[in-house]
Amino acid sequence: MKFTKRTVDNLQLPKSGQVFVWDSEMKGFGIRLNPAGKTYIVQMRVKDDTAIARNWKNRRVTIGRHGILTLQDARIMAREVLAKMSKGNDPVVERKRKEVQIKTLRTLADDYIAAHTDLKPSSIADINKHVDRSFKQWRDKPVVQITRERVAVKFRELTERSSAQANQAFRILRALFNYARAGTPWIFSAKQRCGIAYNHDPGESLRTR
């Protein structure tokens, strides 16, 4: 269907569910109809960098509500989004990337605790203790800023106080990072991926990955 102000205005809303109508002039530009109203959208196949085999996936992005946006404005915005997607920009990955860039260690710990409902109260107490005390300097900073170099310095600092507490603190930190990476492994850079220390009994050498 060729989208014009008249054809869009005349589209009938379904009584239930949703219906998609696509513009014949701009591939990937459409309108989602549901009982609540009409919403401009775009859809395009992009490489799924989150998968090991990098498959292709259909990504759908909401542009805005009809009535709030004019058809002309929606076309302009849709063209910009489609242009980015055609260059390999995955809106889902980009949204998650932005979320990760601002996620703090404290927020990550809270997410971890909420996701692991079988944690013992003592384990939760240990997590909170080390996040709030051992890693106090990192607690309210983005997780992606915790690099290998900073980890090595902090490990040595904590070890000077107590080898046992240092080991426990970094087992917890490693668990938090593994949890974060499991959800968004394609986001962390190589430097950030090797940022967690693997701790051993006192006397053994520190090694990182």
C-alpha atoms as a PDB file:
ATOM      1  CA  MET A   1       0.000   0.000   0.000  1.00  0.00           C
ATOM      2  CA  LYS A   2       1.272   3.471  -0.856  1.00  0.00           C
ATOM      3  CA  PHE A   3       1.247   5.492   2.329  1.00  0.00           C
ATOM      4  CA  THR A   4      -0.423   8.880   2.091  1.00  0.00           C
ATOM      5  CA  LYS A   5      -2.081  10.913   4.810  1.00  0.00           C
ATOM      6  CA  ARG A   6      -5.473   9.747   3.535  1.00  0.00           C
ATOM      7  CA  THR A   7      -4.635   6.039   3.296  1.00  0.00           C
ATOM      8  CA  VAL A   8      -3.080   6.051   6.763  1.00  0.00           C
ATOM      9  CA  ASP A   9      -5.990   7.974   8.285  1.00  0.00           C
ATOM     10  CA  ASN A  10      -8.423   5.509   6.716  1.00  0.00           C
ATOM     11  CA  LEU A  11      -6.751   2.387   8.096  1.00  0.00           C
ATOM     12  CA  GLN A  12      -9.171   0.565  10.392  1.00  0.00           C
ATOM     13  CA  LEU A  13      -8.015  -0.587  13.799  1.00  0.00           C
ATOM     14  CA  PRO A  14      -8.487  -4.271  14.645  1.00  0.00           C
ATOM     15  CA  LYS A  15     -10.767  -5.198  17.542  1.00  0.00           C
ATOM     16  CA  SER A  16      -8.006  -7.369  18.995  1.00  0.00           C
ATOM     17  CA  GLY A  17      -4.416  -8.373  18.284  1.00  0.00           C
ATOM     18  CA  GLN A  18      -2.264  -6.447  15.847  1.00  0.00           C
ATOM     19  CA  VAL A  19      -1.976  -6.022  12.091  1.00  0.00           C
ATOM     20  CA  PHE A  20       1.026  -4.822  10.095  1.00  0.00           C
ATOM     21  CA  VAL A  21       0.684  -2.742   6.949  1.00  0.00           C
ATOM     22  CA  TRP A  22       3.736  -1.972   4.822  1.00  0.00           C
ATOM     23  CA  ASP A  23       4.511   0.988   2.601  1.00  0.00           C
ATOM     24  CA  SER A  24       4.990   0.140  -1.066  1.00  0.00           C
ATOM     25  CA  GLU A  25       7.394   3.055  -1.640  1.00  0.00           C
ATOM     26  CA  MET A  26       9.858   2.558   1.221  1.00  0.00           C
ATOM     27  CA  LYS A  27      10.817  -1.024   1.909  1.00  0.00           C
ATOM     28  CA  GLY A  28      10.826  -1.808   5.608  1.00  0.00           C
ATOM     29  CA  PHE A  29       8.595   1.117   6.582  1.00  0.00           C
ATOM     30  CA  GLY A  30       5.237   0.169   8.037  1.00  0.00           C
ATOM     31  CA  ILE A  31       2.452   0.754  10.501  1.00  0.00           C
ATOM     32  CA  ARG A  32       1.410  -1.493  13.352  1.00  0.00           C
ATOM     33  CA  LEU A  33      -2.311  -1.423  14.028  1.00  0.00           C
ATOM     34  CA  ASN A  34      -3.838  -2.507  17.314  1.00  0.00           C
ATOM     35  CA  PRO A  35      -6.957  -1.508  19.261  1.00  0.00           C
ATOM     36  CA  ALA A  36      -5.001   1.304  20.944  1.00  0.00           C
ATOM     37  CA  GLY A  37      -3.941   3.044  17.736  1.00  0.00           C
ATOM     38  CA  LYS A  38      -1.469   3.243  14.854  1.00  0.00           C
ATOM     39  CA  THR A  39       2.297   3.166  15.302  1.00  0.00           C
ATOM     40  CA  TYR A  40       4.981   3.770  12.675  1.00  0.00           C
ATOM     41  CA  ILE A  41       7.681   1.107  12.582  1.00  0.00           C
ATOM     42  CA  VAL A  42      10.616  -0.085  10.513  1.00  0.00           C
ATOM     43  CA  GLN A  43      11.842  -3.618   9.992  1.00  0.00           C
ATOM     44  CA  MET A  44      14.981  -5.008   8.380  1.00  0.00           C
ATOM     45  CA  ARG A  45      17.177  -8.087   8.522  1.00  0.00           C
ATOM     46  CA  VAL A  46      20.481  -7.509  10.298  1.00  0.00           C
ATOM     47  CA  LYS A  47      23.362  -9.741  11.311  1.00  0.00           C
ATOM     48  CA  ASP A  48      22.878 -11.166  14.766  1.00  0.00           C
ATOM     49  CA  ASP A  49      26.297 -10.596  16.339  1.00  0.00           C
ATOM     50  CA  THR A  50      24.995 -12.043  19.598  1.00  0.00           C
ATOM     51  CA  ALA A  51      24.918 -15.539  18.090  1.00  0.00           C
ATOM     52  CA  ILE A  52      28.006 -17.675  17.600  1.00  0.00           C
ATOM     53  CA  ALA A  53      27.134 -18.376  13.964  1.00  0.00           C
ATOM     54  CA  ARG A  54      26.137 -14.729  13.361  1.00  0.00           C
ATOM     55  CA  ASN A  55      22.778 -15.526  11.837  1.00  0.00           C
ATOM     56  CA  TRP A  56      20.473 -12.969  10.289  1.00  0.00           C
ATOM     57  CA  LYS A  57      17.497 -11.733  12.287  1.00  0.00           C
ATOM     58  CA  ASN A  58      14.554  -9.482  11.610  1.00  0.00           C
ATOM     59  CA  ARG A  59      14.720  -6.397  13.795  1.00  0.00           C
ATOM     60  CA  ARG A  60      11.692  -4.188  14.302  1.00  0.00           C
ATOM     61  CA  VAL A  61      12.027  -0.652  15.618  1.00  0.00           C
ATOM     62  CA  THR A  62       9.242   1.620  16.793  1.00  0.00           C
ATOM     63  CA  ILE A  63       9.336   5.112  15.266  1.00  0.00           C
ATOM     64  CA  GLY A  64       6.346   6.710  16.983  1.00  0.00           C
ATOM     65  CA  ARG A  65       2.578   7.036  17.191  1.00  0.00           C
ATOM     66  CA  HIS A  66       0.524   8.258  14.250  1.00  0.00           C
ATOM     67  CA  GLY A  67      -1.088  11.530  15.222  1.00  0.00           C
ATOM     68  CA  ILE A  68       1.869  12.561  17.324  1.00  0.00           C
ATOM     69  CA  LEU A  69       4.102  12.136  14.293  1.00  0.00           C
ATOM     70  CA  THR A  70       3.036  13.164  10.830  1.00  0.00           C
ATOM     71  CA  LEU A  71       3.561  10.700   8.004  1.00  0.00           C
ATOM     72  CA  GLN A  72       6.273  12.963   6.578  1.00  0.00           C
ATOM     73  CA  ASP A  73       8.169  13.119   9.885  1.00  0.00           C
ATOM     74  CA  ALA A  74       7.831   9.364  10.336  1.00  0.00           C
ATOM     75  CA  ARG A  75       9.287   8.788   6.857  1.00  0.00           C
ATOM     76  CA  ILE A  76      12.299  10.947   7.622  1.00  0.00           C
ATOM     77  CA  MET A  77      12.961   9.161  10.910  1.00  0.00           C
ATOM     78  CA  ALA A  78      12.372   5.746   9.342  1.00  0.00           C
ATOM     79  CA  ARG A  79      14.821   6.489   6.532  1.00  0.00           C
ATOM     80  CA  GLU A  80      17.524   7.389   9.068  1.00  0.00           C
ATOM     81  CA  VAL A  81      16.978   4.197  11.096  1.00  0.00           C
ATOM     82  CA  LEU A  82      16.905   1.992   7.991  1.00  0.00           C
ATOM     83  CA  ALA A  83      20.114   3.597   6.725  1.00  0.00           C
ATOM     84  CA  LYS A  84      21.890   2.737   9.984  1.00  0.00           C
ATOM     85  CA  MET A  85      20.538  -0.819   9.948  1.00  0.00           C
ATOM     86  CA  SER A  86      21.648  -1.295   6.345  1.00  0.00           C
ATOM     87  CA  LYS A  87      25.201  -0.509   7.503  1.00  0.00           C
ATOM     88  CA  GLY A  88      25.079  -3.263  10.112  1.00  0.00           C
ATOM     89  CA  ASN A  89      23.759  -1.293  13.084  1.00  0.00           C
ATOM     90  CA  ASP A  90      21.601  -3.627  15.179  1.00  0.00           C
ATOM     91  CA  PRO A  91      19.211  -1.519  17.281  1.00  0.00           C
ATOM     92  CA  VAL A  92      18.767  -4.290  19.857  1.00  0.00           C
ATOM     93  CA  VAL A  93      22.521  -4.624  20.394  1.00  0.00           C
ATOM     94  CA  GLU A  94      22.979  -0.862  20.465  1.00  0.00           C
ATOM     95  CA  ARG A  95      20.297  -0.471  23.114  1.00  0.00           C
ATOM     96  CA  LYS A  96      21.888  -3.157  25.268  1.00  0.00           C
ATOM     97  CA  ARG A  97      25.310  -1.658  24.674  1.00  0.00           C
ATOM     98  CA  LYS A  98      24.111   1.671  26.038  1.00  0.00           C
ATOM     99  CA  GLU A  99      22.550  -0.060  29.033  1.00  0.00           C
ATOM    100  CA  VAL A 100      25.805  -1.874  29.804  1.00  0.00           C
ATOM    101  CA  GLN A 101      27.873   1.292  29.424  1.00  0.00           C
ATOM    102  CA  ILE A 102      26.049   2.889  32.364  1.00  0.00           C
ATOM    103  CA  LYS A 103      25.433  -0.196  34.539  1.00  0.00           C
ATOM    104  CA  THR A 104      27.258   0.178  37.836  1.00  0.00           C
ATOM    105  CA  LEU A 105      28.771  -2.575  39.945  1.00  0.00           C
ATOM    106  CA  ARG A 106      26.072  -1.999  42.567  1.00  0.00           C
ATOM    107  CA  THR A 107      23.313  -2.369  39.975  1.00  0.00           C
ATOM    108  CA  LEU A 108      24.957  -5.477  38.545  1.00  0.00           C
ATOM    109  CA  ALA A 109      25.123  -7.039  42.010  1.00  0.00           C
ATOM    110  CA  ASP A 110      21.451  -6.257  42.598  1.00  0.00           C
ATOM    111  CA  ASP A 111      20.551  -7.845  39.251  1.00  0.00           C
ATOM    112  CA  TYR A 112      22.638 -10.918  40.089  1.00  0.00           C
ATOM    113  CA  ILE A 113      20.974 -11.365  43.471  1.00  0.00           C
ATOM    114  CA  ALA A 114      17.500 -10.934  41.952  1.00  0.00           C
ATOM    115  CA  ALA A 115      18.251 -13.510  39.247  1.00  0.00           C
ATOM    116  CA  HIS A 116      19.664 -16.105  41.655  1.00  0.00           C
ATOM    117  CA  THR A 117      16.725 -16.757  43.944  1.00  0.00           C
ATOM    118  CA  ASP A 118      18.415 -19.784  45.527  1.00  0.00           C
ATOM    119  CA  LEU A 119      21.232 -17.776  47.114  1.00  0.00           C
ATOM    120  CA  LYS A 120      21.660 -18.267  50.829  1.00  0.00           C
ATOM    121  CA  PRO A 121      21.317 -15.188  53.063  1.00  0.00           C
ATOM    122  CA  SER A 122      25.003 -15.537  53.971  1.00  0.00           C
ATOM    123  CA  SER A 123      25.966 -15.475  50.286  1.00  0.00           C
ATOM    124  CA  ILE A 124      23.903 -12.338  49.707  1.00  0.00           C
ATOM    125  CA  ALA A 125      25.544 -10.747  52.737  1.00  0.00           C
ATOM    126  CA  ASP A 126      29.006 -11.581  51.358  1.00  0.00           C
ATOM    127  CA  ILE A 127      28.150 -10.079  47.973  1.00  0.00           C
ATOM    128  CA  ASN A 128      26.858  -6.866  49.510  1.00  0.00           C
ATOM    129  CA  LYS A 129      29.825  -6.683  51.889  1.00  0.00           C
ATOM    130  CA  HIS A 130      32.432  -6.849  49.163  1.00  0.00           C
ATOM    131  CA  VAL A 131      30.571  -4.624  46.704  1.00  0.00           C
ATOM    132  CA  ASP A 132      30.013  -1.955  49.349  1.00  0.00           C
ATOM    133  CA  ARG A 133      33.354  -2.282  51.146  1.00  0.00           C
ATOM    134  CA  SER A 134      36.065  -4.130  49.221  1.00  0.00           C
ATOM    135  CA  PHE A 135      35.023  -2.523  45.916  1.00  0.00           C
ATOM    136  CA  LYS A 136      33.669   0.708  47.346  1.00  0.00           C
ATOM    137  CA  GLN A 137      35.630   2.790  44.801  1.00  0.00           C
ATOM    138  CA  TRP A 138      33.985   0.877  41.949  1.00  0.00           C
ATOM    139  CA  ARG A 139      30.517   0.440  43.457  1.00  0.00           C
ATOM    140  CA  ASP A 140      28.837   3.404  41.756  1.00  0.00           C
ATOM    141  CA  LYS A 141      30.928   3.425  38.583  1.00  0.00           C
ATOM    142  CA  PRO A 142      30.152   1.678  35.270  1.00  0.00           C
ATOM    143  CA  VAL A 143      31.250  -1.940  35.254  1.00  0.00           C
ATOM    144  CA  VAL A 144      32.982  -1.511  31.899  1.00  0.00           C
ATOM    145  CA  GLN A 145      35.533   0.752  33.590  1.00  0.00           C
ATOM    146  CA  ILE A 146      36.858  -2.134  35.669  1.00  0.00           C
ATOM    147  CA  THR A 147      39.857  -3.115  33.571  1.00  0.00           C
ATOM    148  CA  ARG A 148      42.515  -5.795  33.975  1.00  0.00           C
ATOM    149  CA  GLU A 149      45.003  -3.254  35.296  1.00  0.00           C
ATOM    150  CA  ARG A 150      42.627  -1.993  37.963  1.00  0.00           C
ATOM    151  CA  VAL A 151      41.766  -5.531  38.990  1.00  0.00           C
ATOM    152  CA  ALA A 152      45.438  -6.431  39.459  1.00  0.00           C
ATOM    153  CA  VAL A 153      46.043  -3.379  41.638  1.00  0.00           C
ATOM    154  CA  LYS A 154      42.938  -4.003  43.737  1.00  0.00           C
ATOM    155  CA  PHE A 155      43.776  -7.680  44.189  1.00  0.00           C
ATOM    156  CA  ARG A 156      47.220  -6.855  45.548  1.00  0.00           C
ATOM    157  CA  GLU A 157      45.719  -4.201  47.813  1.00  0.00           C
ATOM    158  CA  LEU A 158      43.150  -6.578  49.305  1.00  0.00           C
ATOM    159  CA  THR A 159      45.671  -9.416  49.596  1.00  0.00           C
ATOM    160  CA  GLU A 160      47.882  -7.243  51.800  1.00  0.00           C
ATOM    161  CA  ARG A 161      44.991  -7.030  54.258  1.00  0.00           C
ATOM    162  CA  SER A 162      43.769 -10.624  54.052  1.00  0.00           C
ATOM    163  CA  SER A 163      44.456 -13.311  51.444  1.00  0.00           C
ATOM    164  CA  ALA A 164      41.261 -15.154  52.343  1.00  0.00           C
ATOM    165  CA  GLN A 165      39.093 -12.055  52.033  1.00  0.00           C
ATOM    166  CA  ALA A 166      40.797 -11.110  48.773  1.00  0.00           C
ATOM    167  CA  ASN A 167      40.033 -14.524  47.336  1.00  0.00           C
ATOM    168  CA  GLN A 168      36.403 -14.332  48.445  1.00  0.00           C
ATOM    169  CA  ALA A 169      36.003 -10.798  47.089  1.00  0.00           C
ATOM    170  CA  PHE A 170      37.342 -11.729  43.683  1.00  0.00           C
ATOM    171  CA  ARG A 171      35.353 -14.951  43.471  1.00  0.00           C
ATOM    172  CA  ILE A 172      32.298 -12.746  43.892  1.00  0.00           C
ATOM    173  CA  LEU A 173      33.520 -10.182  41.372  1.00  0.00           C
ATOM    174  CA  ARG A 174      34.262 -12.954  38.883  1.00  0.00           C
ATOM    175  CA  ALA A 175      30.757 -14.370  39.357  1.00  0.00           C
ATOM    176  CA  LEU A 176      29.191 -10.950  38.769  1.00  0.00           C
ATOM    177  CA  PHE A 177      31.179 -10.396  35.591  1.00  0.00           C
ATOM    178  CA  ASN A 178      30.454 -13.883  34.285  1.00  0.00           C
ATOM    179  CA  TYR A 179      26.766 -13.177  34.853  1.00  0.00           C
ATOM    180  CA  ALA A 180      26.982  -9.882  32.956  1.00  0.00           C
ATOM    181  CA  ARG A 181      28.952 -11.414  30.101  1.00  0.00           C
ATOM    182  CA  ALA A 182      26.536 -14.322  29.774  1.00  0.00           C
ATOM    183  CA  GLY A 183      23.792 -11.858  28.875  1.00  0.00           C
ATOM    184  CA  THR A 184      25.831  -9.559  26.629  1.00  0.00           C
ATOM    185  CA  PRO A 185      29.053 -11.350  25.604  1.00  0.00           C
ATOM    186  CA  TRP A 186      29.423  -9.358  22.399  1.00  0.00           C
ATOM    187  CA  ILE A 187      29.554  -6.021  24.230  1.00  0.00           C
ATOM    188  CA  PHE A 188      32.606  -6.400  26.465  1.00  0.00           C
ATOM    189  CA  SER A 189      35.911  -5.538  24.837  1.00  0.00           C
ATOM    190  CA  ALA A 190      38.865  -7.917  25.016  1.00  0.00           C
ATOM    191  CA  LYS A 191      40.401  -5.741  27.712  1.00  0.00           C
ATOM    192  CA  GLN A 192      37.245  -5.911  29.787  1.00  0.00           C
ATOM    193  CA  ARG A 193      36.860  -9.649  29.249  1.00  0.00           C
ATOM    194  CA  CYS A 194      40.241 -10.262  30.834  1.00  0.00           C
ATOM    195  CA  GLY A 195      39.453  -7.981  33.748  1.00  0.00           C
ATOM    196  CA  ILE A 196      38.584 -10.587  36.372  1.00  0.00           C
ATOM    197  CA  ALA A 197      41.259 -12.177  38.498  1.00  0.00           C
ATOM    198  CA  TYR A 198      41.230 -15.895  39.166  1.00  0.00           C
ATOM    199  CA  ASN A 199      42.228 -16.250  42.766  1.00  0.00           C
ATOM    200  CA  HIS A 200      43.935 -19.206  44.354  1.00  0.00           C
ATOM    201  CA  ASP A 201      45.224 -20.207  47.708  1.00  0.00           C
ATOM    202  CA  PRO A 202      47.789 -17.903  49.278  1.00  0.00           C
ATOM    203  CA  GLY A 203      51.193 -18.437  47.724  1.00  0.00           C
ATOM    204  CA  GLU A 204      49.901 -19.295  44.280  1.00  0.00           C
ATOM    205  CA  SER A 205      50.457 -16.791  41.510  1.00  0.00           C
ATOM    206  CA  LEU A 206      47.694 -14.472  40.385  1.00  0.00           C
ATOM    207  CA  ARG A 207      46.557 -15.024  36.847  1.00  0.00           C
ATOM    208  CA  THR A 208      43.926 -13.144  34.869  1.00  0.00           C
ATOM    209  CA  ARG A 209      42.052 -13.749  31.684  1.00  0.00           C
END
